[in-house]
Each structure stands twice: as C-alpha cells, then as structure tokens.
N, C-alpha and C. Protein backbone atom coordinates (compact mmCIF):
# COMPACT_ATOMS: atom_id res chain seq x y z
N MET A 1 90.60 86.62 33.84
CA MET A 1 91.22 85.34 34.13
C MET A 1 90.28 84.22 33.66
N PRO A 2 90.80 83.25 32.97
CA PRO A 2 89.94 82.20 32.42
C PRO A 2 89.33 81.33 33.52
N ASP A 3 88.17 80.74 33.18
CA ASP A 3 87.47 79.88 34.13
C ASP A 3 87.98 78.45 34.08
N ALA A 4 88.90 78.15 33.17
CA ALA A 4 89.45 76.81 33.04
C ALA A 4 90.96 76.89 32.92
N LEU A 5 91.61 75.80 33.32
CA LEU A 5 93.06 75.70 33.24
C LEU A 5 93.44 74.55 32.32
N ILE A 6 94.56 74.70 31.65
CA ILE A 6 95.11 73.60 30.86
C ILE A 6 95.95 72.75 31.80
N VAL A 7 95.63 71.46 31.86
CA VAL A 7 96.37 70.49 32.67
C VAL A 7 96.85 69.41 31.71
N VAL A 8 98.15 69.15 31.70
CA VAL A 8 98.72 68.15 30.81
C VAL A 8 98.68 66.79 31.51
N CYS A 9 98.21 65.78 30.80
CA CYS A 9 98.08 64.44 31.35
C CYS A 9 99.46 63.87 31.67
N PRO A 10 99.63 63.29 32.86
CA PRO A 10 100.94 62.72 33.22
C PRO A 10 101.27 61.43 32.46
N ARG A 11 100.29 60.84 31.80
CA ARG A 11 100.52 59.57 31.10
C ARG A 11 100.70 59.75 29.60
N CYS A 12 99.71 60.36 28.94
CA CYS A 12 99.79 60.49 27.48
C CYS A 12 100.24 61.87 27.03
N HIS A 13 100.36 62.81 27.97
CA HIS A 13 100.85 64.18 27.74
C HIS A 13 99.91 65.02 26.88
N ALA A 14 98.64 64.64 26.83
CA ALA A 14 97.64 65.44 26.12
C ALA A 14 97.23 66.62 27.00
N SER A 15 96.91 67.74 26.37
CA SER A 15 96.44 68.92 27.09
C SER A 15 94.95 68.79 27.33
N ASN A 16 94.52 69.06 28.56
CA ASN A 16 93.12 68.96 28.96
C ASN A 16 92.68 70.28 29.57
N ARG A 17 91.49 70.72 29.22
CA ARG A 17 90.91 71.93 29.81
C ARG A 17 90.06 71.49 31.01
N VAL A 18 90.43 72.01 32.21
CA VAL A 18 89.74 71.64 33.43
C VAL A 18 89.16 72.91 34.05
N PRO A 19 87.85 72.94 34.31
CA PRO A 19 87.27 74.11 34.98
C PRO A 19 87.94 74.33 36.34
N LYS A 20 88.27 75.57 36.65
CA LYS A 20 88.92 75.88 37.93
C LYS A 20 88.11 75.35 39.10
N ALA A 21 86.81 75.48 39.03
CA ALA A 21 85.95 75.03 40.12
C ALA A 21 86.01 73.52 40.32
N ARG A 22 86.44 72.78 39.31
CA ARG A 22 86.48 71.30 39.38
C ARG A 22 87.90 70.76 39.55
N LEU A 23 88.88 71.64 39.65
CA LEU A 23 90.28 71.21 39.73
C LEU A 23 90.52 70.28 40.93
N ALA A 24 89.92 70.60 42.06
CA ALA A 24 90.11 69.77 43.26
C ALA A 24 89.51 68.37 43.09
N ASP A 25 88.60 68.20 42.15
CA ASP A 25 88.02 66.88 41.89
C ASP A 25 88.99 65.96 41.15
N GLY A 26 90.06 66.52 40.64
CA GLY A 26 91.08 65.73 39.94
C GLY A 26 90.85 65.67 38.44
N GLY A 27 89.83 64.98 38.03
CA GLY A 27 89.54 64.87 36.62
C GLY A 27 90.29 63.75 35.93
N THR A 28 89.83 63.43 34.74
CA THR A 28 90.47 62.40 33.94
C THR A 28 90.82 62.98 32.58
N CYS A 29 91.80 62.39 31.96
CA CYS A 29 92.25 62.84 30.65
C CYS A 29 91.20 62.53 29.59
N GLY A 30 90.92 63.51 28.74
CA GLY A 30 89.97 63.30 27.67
C GLY A 30 90.46 62.33 26.61
N LYS A 31 91.77 62.14 26.51
CA LYS A 31 92.33 61.25 25.49
C LYS A 31 92.50 59.82 26.00
N CYS A 32 93.22 59.64 27.12
CA CYS A 32 93.53 58.28 27.59
C CYS A 32 92.64 57.82 28.75
N LYS A 33 91.79 58.73 29.27
CA LYS A 33 90.83 58.43 30.33
C LYS A 33 91.48 58.07 31.68
N GLN A 34 92.75 58.40 31.85
CA GLN A 34 93.46 58.15 33.10
C GLN A 34 93.36 59.40 33.99
N PRO A 35 93.55 59.25 35.32
CA PRO A 35 93.50 60.41 36.21
C PRO A 35 94.56 61.45 35.85
N LEU A 36 94.19 62.72 35.97
CA LEU A 36 95.13 63.80 35.69
C LEU A 36 96.12 64.03 36.82
N PHE A 37 95.80 63.53 38.01
CA PHE A 37 96.68 63.70 39.16
C PHE A 37 96.87 62.37 39.85
N ALA A 38 98.13 62.10 40.22
CA ALA A 38 98.46 60.82 40.86
C ALA A 38 98.98 61.01 42.28
N GLY A 39 99.19 62.25 42.70
CA GLY A 39 99.73 62.49 44.03
C GLY A 39 101.16 62.01 44.16
N ALA A 40 101.89 62.04 43.06
CA ALA A 40 103.29 61.60 43.03
C ALA A 40 104.04 62.43 42.01
N PRO A 41 105.34 62.61 42.20
CA PRO A 41 106.11 63.36 41.20
C PRO A 41 106.07 62.68 39.84
N LEU A 42 106.02 63.49 38.82
CA LEU A 42 105.98 63.04 37.43
C LEU A 42 107.40 62.97 36.90
N GLU A 43 107.77 61.86 36.26
CA GLU A 43 109.08 61.73 35.63
C GLU A 43 109.02 62.40 34.25
N LEU A 44 109.84 63.40 34.04
CA LEU A 44 109.86 64.10 32.76
C LEU A 44 111.11 63.75 31.97
N THR A 45 110.95 63.71 30.66
CA THR A 45 112.06 63.48 29.74
C THR A 45 112.20 64.72 28.87
N GLY A 46 113.22 64.74 28.06
CA GLY A 46 113.39 65.85 27.13
C GLY A 46 112.18 66.04 26.24
N ARG A 47 111.54 64.94 25.92
CA ARG A 47 110.37 64.98 25.04
C ARG A 47 109.12 65.51 25.75
N SER A 48 108.91 65.12 27.02
CA SER A 48 107.69 65.52 27.73
C SER A 48 107.85 66.83 28.50
N PHE A 49 109.07 67.25 28.75
CA PHE A 49 109.33 68.44 29.56
C PHE A 49 108.63 69.68 29.00
N ASP A 50 108.87 69.96 27.72
CA ASP A 50 108.30 71.17 27.13
C ASP A 50 106.78 71.14 27.10
N GLN A 51 106.21 69.96 26.92
CA GLN A 51 104.75 69.84 26.92
C GLN A 51 104.20 70.25 28.29
N HIS A 52 104.80 69.73 29.35
CA HIS A 52 104.29 70.02 30.70
C HIS A 52 104.62 71.43 31.16
N VAL A 53 105.85 71.83 30.99
CA VAL A 53 106.26 73.16 31.47
C VAL A 53 105.69 74.27 30.59
N GLY A 54 105.67 74.05 29.29
CA GLY A 54 105.25 75.09 28.37
C GLY A 54 103.76 75.18 28.13
N ARG A 55 103.03 74.09 28.29
CA ARG A 55 101.60 74.09 27.96
C ARG A 55 100.68 74.16 29.17
N SER A 56 101.13 73.65 30.31
CA SER A 56 100.27 73.56 31.49
C SER A 56 100.09 74.93 32.14
N ASP A 57 98.89 75.20 32.59
CA ASP A 57 98.63 76.42 33.36
C ASP A 57 99.00 76.24 34.83
N LEU A 58 99.27 75.02 35.25
CA LEU A 58 99.67 74.77 36.63
C LEU A 58 101.14 75.13 36.81
N PRO A 59 101.49 75.71 37.95
CA PRO A 59 102.91 75.88 38.24
C PRO A 59 103.55 74.49 38.36
N ILE A 60 104.81 74.39 37.95
CA ILE A 60 105.49 73.10 37.98
C ILE A 60 106.82 73.28 38.72
N ILE A 61 107.04 72.42 39.71
CA ILE A 61 108.30 72.38 40.45
C ILE A 61 109.07 71.18 39.94
N VAL A 62 110.27 71.40 39.41
CA VAL A 62 111.07 70.32 38.84
C VAL A 62 112.30 70.08 39.71
N ASP A 63 112.49 68.82 40.08
CA ASP A 63 113.67 68.38 40.81
C ASP A 63 114.64 67.77 39.81
N PHE A 64 115.75 68.47 39.56
CA PHE A 64 116.80 67.92 38.70
C PHE A 64 117.71 67.11 39.62
N TRP A 65 117.82 65.81 39.37
CA TRP A 65 118.50 64.89 40.28
C TRP A 65 119.28 63.83 39.48
N ALA A 66 120.00 62.98 40.20
CA ALA A 66 120.69 61.84 39.58
C ALA A 66 120.65 60.67 40.56
N PRO A 67 120.58 59.45 40.05
CA PRO A 67 120.47 58.27 40.92
C PRO A 67 121.68 58.07 41.84
N TRP A 68 122.86 58.54 41.45
CA TRP A 68 124.07 58.35 42.26
C TRP A 68 124.21 59.41 43.35
N CYS A 69 123.36 60.40 43.36
CA CYS A 69 123.46 61.54 44.28
C CYS A 69 122.79 61.23 45.62
N GLY A 70 123.60 61.13 46.67
CA GLY A 70 123.07 60.85 48.00
C GLY A 70 122.07 61.89 48.49
N PRO A 71 122.38 63.20 48.43
CA PRO A 71 121.41 64.20 48.86
C PRO A 71 120.10 64.14 48.04
N CYS A 72 120.21 63.79 46.75
CA CYS A 72 119.00 63.66 45.92
C CYS A 72 118.11 62.55 46.47
N ARG A 73 118.72 61.42 46.78
CA ARG A 73 117.95 60.28 47.30
C ARG A 73 117.38 60.60 48.68
N MET A 74 118.12 61.37 49.48
CA MET A 74 117.62 61.74 50.81
C MET A 74 116.41 62.67 50.70
N MET A 75 116.39 63.54 49.71
CA MET A 75 115.29 64.49 49.56
C MET A 75 114.07 63.88 48.87
N ALA A 76 114.24 62.77 48.16
CA ALA A 76 113.16 62.17 47.37
C ALA A 76 111.88 61.90 48.16
N PRO A 77 111.94 61.33 49.38
CA PRO A 77 110.68 61.10 50.11
C PRO A 77 109.94 62.40 50.44
N ALA A 78 110.67 63.44 50.80
CA ALA A 78 110.03 64.73 51.10
C ALA A 78 109.40 65.32 49.85
N PHE A 79 110.06 65.14 48.70
CA PHE A 79 109.52 65.64 47.44
C PHE A 79 108.24 64.88 47.07
N ALA A 80 108.24 63.57 47.28
CA ALA A 80 107.04 62.77 47.01
C ALA A 80 105.90 63.17 47.94
N GLN A 81 106.22 63.44 49.20
CA GLN A 81 105.21 63.87 50.16
C GLN A 81 104.64 65.23 49.74
N ALA A 82 105.49 66.12 49.28
CA ALA A 82 105.02 67.43 48.82
C ALA A 82 104.07 67.28 47.64
N ALA A 83 104.36 66.35 46.73
CA ALA A 83 103.47 66.12 45.59
C ALA A 83 102.09 65.69 46.07
N ARG A 84 102.05 64.80 47.05
CA ARG A 84 100.75 64.35 47.59
C ARG A 84 99.98 65.51 48.21
N GLN A 85 100.69 66.40 48.88
CA GLN A 85 100.03 67.50 49.59
C GLN A 85 99.64 68.65 48.68
N LEU A 86 100.40 68.90 47.63
CA LEU A 86 100.20 70.12 46.84
C LEU A 86 99.38 69.94 45.58
N GLU A 87 99.27 68.71 45.05
CA GLU A 87 98.41 68.54 43.88
C GLU A 87 96.97 68.74 44.31
N PRO A 88 96.13 69.36 43.53
CA PRO A 88 96.30 69.81 42.15
C PRO A 88 96.69 71.28 42.01
N ALA A 89 97.09 71.93 43.11
CA ALA A 89 97.46 73.34 43.01
C ALA A 89 98.71 73.54 42.16
N CYS A 90 99.58 72.54 42.15
CA CYS A 90 100.77 72.59 41.32
C CYS A 90 101.19 71.16 41.00
N ARG A 91 102.09 71.01 40.06
CA ARG A 91 102.59 69.69 39.66
C ARG A 91 104.06 69.62 40.06
N LEU A 92 104.46 68.52 40.68
CA LEU A 92 105.86 68.27 41.00
C LEU A 92 106.39 67.23 40.04
N ALA A 93 107.59 67.46 39.54
CA ALA A 93 108.17 66.58 38.54
C ALA A 93 109.65 66.39 38.82
N LYS A 94 110.20 65.33 38.25
CA LYS A 94 111.62 65.00 38.40
C LYS A 94 112.25 64.82 37.02
N VAL A 95 113.50 65.26 36.90
CA VAL A 95 114.28 65.04 35.69
C VAL A 95 115.59 64.38 36.12
N ASN A 96 115.82 63.18 35.61
CA ASN A 96 117.06 62.45 35.87
C ASN A 96 118.13 63.05 34.96
N THR A 97 119.09 63.76 35.56
CA THR A 97 120.09 64.47 34.78
C THR A 97 121.10 63.53 34.10
N GLU A 98 121.18 62.29 34.56
CA GLU A 98 122.05 61.31 33.90
C GLU A 98 121.46 60.90 32.56
N GLU A 99 120.13 60.74 32.53
CA GLU A 99 119.44 60.33 31.31
C GLU A 99 119.09 61.52 30.42
N GLU A 100 118.96 62.68 31.00
CA GLU A 100 118.52 63.88 30.27
C GLU A 100 119.57 64.98 30.37
N GLN A 101 120.78 64.68 29.93
CA GLN A 101 121.89 65.62 30.06
C GLN A 101 121.68 66.89 29.25
N GLN A 102 121.09 66.77 28.07
CA GLN A 102 120.84 67.97 27.25
C GLN A 102 119.82 68.89 27.92
N LEU A 103 118.81 68.30 28.52
CA LEU A 103 117.79 69.08 29.21
C LEU A 103 118.40 69.80 30.42
N ALA A 104 119.24 69.09 31.17
CA ALA A 104 119.91 69.71 32.31
C ALA A 104 120.81 70.85 31.85
N ALA A 105 121.55 70.65 30.77
CA ALA A 105 122.43 71.70 30.25
C ALA A 105 121.62 72.90 29.77
N ARG A 106 120.50 72.64 29.11
CA ARG A 106 119.64 73.71 28.60
C ARG A 106 119.14 74.62 29.73
N HIS A 107 118.97 74.04 30.92
CA HIS A 107 118.47 74.82 32.06
C HIS A 107 119.58 75.21 33.02
N GLY A 108 120.83 75.03 32.60
CA GLY A 108 121.95 75.50 33.39
C GLY A 108 122.10 74.82 34.73
N ILE A 109 121.80 73.53 34.79
CA ILE A 109 121.92 72.79 36.04
C ILE A 109 123.40 72.49 36.27
N ARG A 110 123.96 73.07 37.32
CA ARG A 110 125.38 72.93 37.62
C ARG A 110 125.63 72.05 38.84
N SER A 111 124.64 71.91 39.69
CA SER A 111 124.76 71.04 40.85
C SER A 111 123.41 70.38 41.08
N ILE A 112 123.44 69.25 41.76
CA ILE A 112 122.19 68.54 42.05
C ILE A 112 122.16 68.18 43.53
N PRO A 113 120.99 68.11 44.11
CA PRO A 113 119.72 68.41 43.46
C PRO A 113 119.53 69.92 43.27
N THR A 114 118.84 70.26 42.22
CA THR A 114 118.42 71.64 41.98
C THR A 114 116.92 71.63 41.71
N LEU A 115 116.21 72.46 42.44
CA LEU A 115 114.77 72.63 42.24
C LEU A 115 114.55 73.89 41.43
N VAL A 116 113.67 73.78 40.43
CA VAL A 116 113.33 74.94 39.61
C VAL A 116 111.81 75.04 39.55
N ALA A 117 111.30 76.22 39.85
CA ALA A 117 109.86 76.48 39.78
C ALA A 117 109.57 77.18 38.45
N PHE A 118 108.58 76.66 37.73
CA PHE A 118 108.17 77.23 36.45
C PHE A 118 106.71 77.66 36.54
N ARG A 119 106.42 78.81 35.95
CA ARG A 119 105.04 79.29 35.83
C ARG A 119 104.89 79.85 34.43
N ASN A 120 103.87 79.39 33.72
CA ASN A 120 103.62 79.85 32.34
C ASN A 120 104.85 79.67 31.46
N GLY A 121 105.56 78.56 31.66
CA GLY A 121 106.70 78.24 30.83
C GLY A 121 107.99 78.95 31.18
N ARG A 122 107.96 79.80 32.19
CA ARG A 122 109.16 80.57 32.56
C ARG A 122 109.63 80.18 33.95
N GLU A 123 110.95 80.17 34.12
CA GLU A 123 111.52 79.91 35.44
C GLU A 123 111.22 81.11 36.34
N VAL A 124 110.71 80.81 37.55
CA VAL A 124 110.41 81.89 38.50
C VAL A 124 111.21 81.78 39.78
N ALA A 125 111.82 80.61 40.04
CA ALA A 125 112.64 80.44 41.25
C ALA A 125 113.53 79.23 41.08
N ARG A 126 114.65 79.24 41.83
CA ARG A 126 115.62 78.14 41.76
C ARG A 126 116.25 77.97 43.12
N GLN A 127 116.49 76.70 43.49
CA GLN A 127 117.12 76.37 44.76
C GLN A 127 118.04 75.18 44.53
N SER A 128 119.33 75.34 44.84
CA SER A 128 120.26 74.23 44.74
C SER A 128 120.53 73.67 46.13
N GLY A 129 120.67 72.36 46.20
CA GLY A 129 120.94 71.68 47.47
C GLY A 129 119.69 71.03 48.01
N ALA A 130 119.91 69.96 48.77
CA ALA A 130 118.80 69.21 49.35
C ALA A 130 118.13 70.00 50.47
N LEU A 131 116.83 69.83 50.58
CA LEU A 131 116.04 70.47 51.63
C LEU A 131 115.31 69.40 52.43
N ASP A 132 115.12 69.66 53.73
CA ASP A 132 114.27 68.76 54.52
C ASP A 132 112.81 69.05 54.18
N ALA A 133 111.91 68.24 54.68
CA ALA A 133 110.49 68.34 54.30
C ALA A 133 109.91 69.73 54.59
N GLY A 134 110.17 70.27 55.76
CA GLY A 134 109.63 71.58 56.11
C GLY A 134 110.18 72.69 55.23
N SER A 135 111.50 72.68 55.03
CA SER A 135 112.13 73.70 54.18
C SER A 135 111.66 73.58 52.74
N LEU A 136 111.49 72.35 52.28
CA LEU A 136 111.02 72.12 50.92
C LEU A 136 109.63 72.73 50.72
N MET A 137 108.71 72.44 51.65
CA MET A 137 107.35 72.98 51.53
C MET A 137 107.37 74.53 51.59
N ARG A 138 108.18 75.09 52.47
CA ARG A 138 108.26 76.56 52.56
C ARG A 138 108.79 77.14 51.24
N TRP A 139 109.84 76.51 50.69
CA TRP A 139 110.40 77.01 49.44
C TRP A 139 109.38 76.93 48.30
N ILE A 140 108.69 75.80 48.20
CA ILE A 140 107.68 75.65 47.12
C ILE A 140 106.59 76.69 47.28
N ARG A 141 106.06 76.82 48.48
CA ARG A 141 104.97 77.79 48.68
C ARG A 141 105.43 79.22 48.40
N SER A 142 106.64 79.58 48.81
CA SER A 142 107.12 80.94 48.53
C SER A 142 107.37 81.13 47.03
N SER A 143 107.76 80.06 46.32
CA SER A 143 107.99 80.14 44.89
C SER A 143 106.70 80.31 44.11
N LEU A 144 105.62 79.82 44.67
CA LEU A 144 104.33 79.87 43.98
C LEU A 144 103.54 81.14 44.27
N SER A 145 103.95 81.88 45.28
CA SER A 145 103.17 83.09 45.65
C SER A 145 103.58 84.28 44.83
C-alpha cells in the first residue's frame, strides 16, 4: 500500500500527492497553493467530475440533486455537516442534475436525491431518497468500510 495518496484540489483540480501520515494536517495544493480541504461539499461539473472521482485516492460521496427538489434541500445541511466531520477521510461532493443532465444520465440517476459512493473511480454503493443526519452518516460509513 502506498505511503501517499492522490488528493485532487477542490479549486484548480490539480492532482496532489499527500503523505498518508500528513493527511489529517490538510495540506495545500502544489499548483494554486489553496487548502486541499474546505470542510464543505465540493460542487462538481461534467468537466471536474472525472478528475475527482477517477484520479483521487480518497473515497468520494456524490449527492446528485436539483435546486427545485424539496427533499434535496432538506438533506443539504446534513450533507454539509457530514463533509465537515468526514474530511479528510473522504470527500463529499454535489452534482446539480439540472445543470449536469448528461452526467446524471451517464450515472443512471433516475430519482433525486441520490447518493453514490465511489472508490478508485468505481461506484461501490448507492442510496436514493433523502436521509436525516444520523442515517446519512451511517450510510456513508457503511459505504466506506
């Protein structure tokens, strides 16, 4: 197992090698010098999605949502809280399915909100429907184990 992980910068999307022992320190991007972790969900687009999901060694939990979706908006604070609690062990991200319809179609999103857990570029778990904070944390932790 390697002593370093690839972490993709949430701002410039550059890949950074971070020693595992220093992951909890957060780190800064070697390209743009910004923090690698913000303690908030990352907004992904069709362009940045593959970089983060495909290149990062961190597990990524993606919330496929839409601004008009009431359950999506209700779950958003719990998702943001989970990002604060779980980084840097994993990255939480959001995809607006209204703006990224091709990306949603590519991943077979049929209802929202839908949470998808990715590890090493592959989907490892999926959950459709809004979750409360406790259920969300349990689902994420079980998806990562």
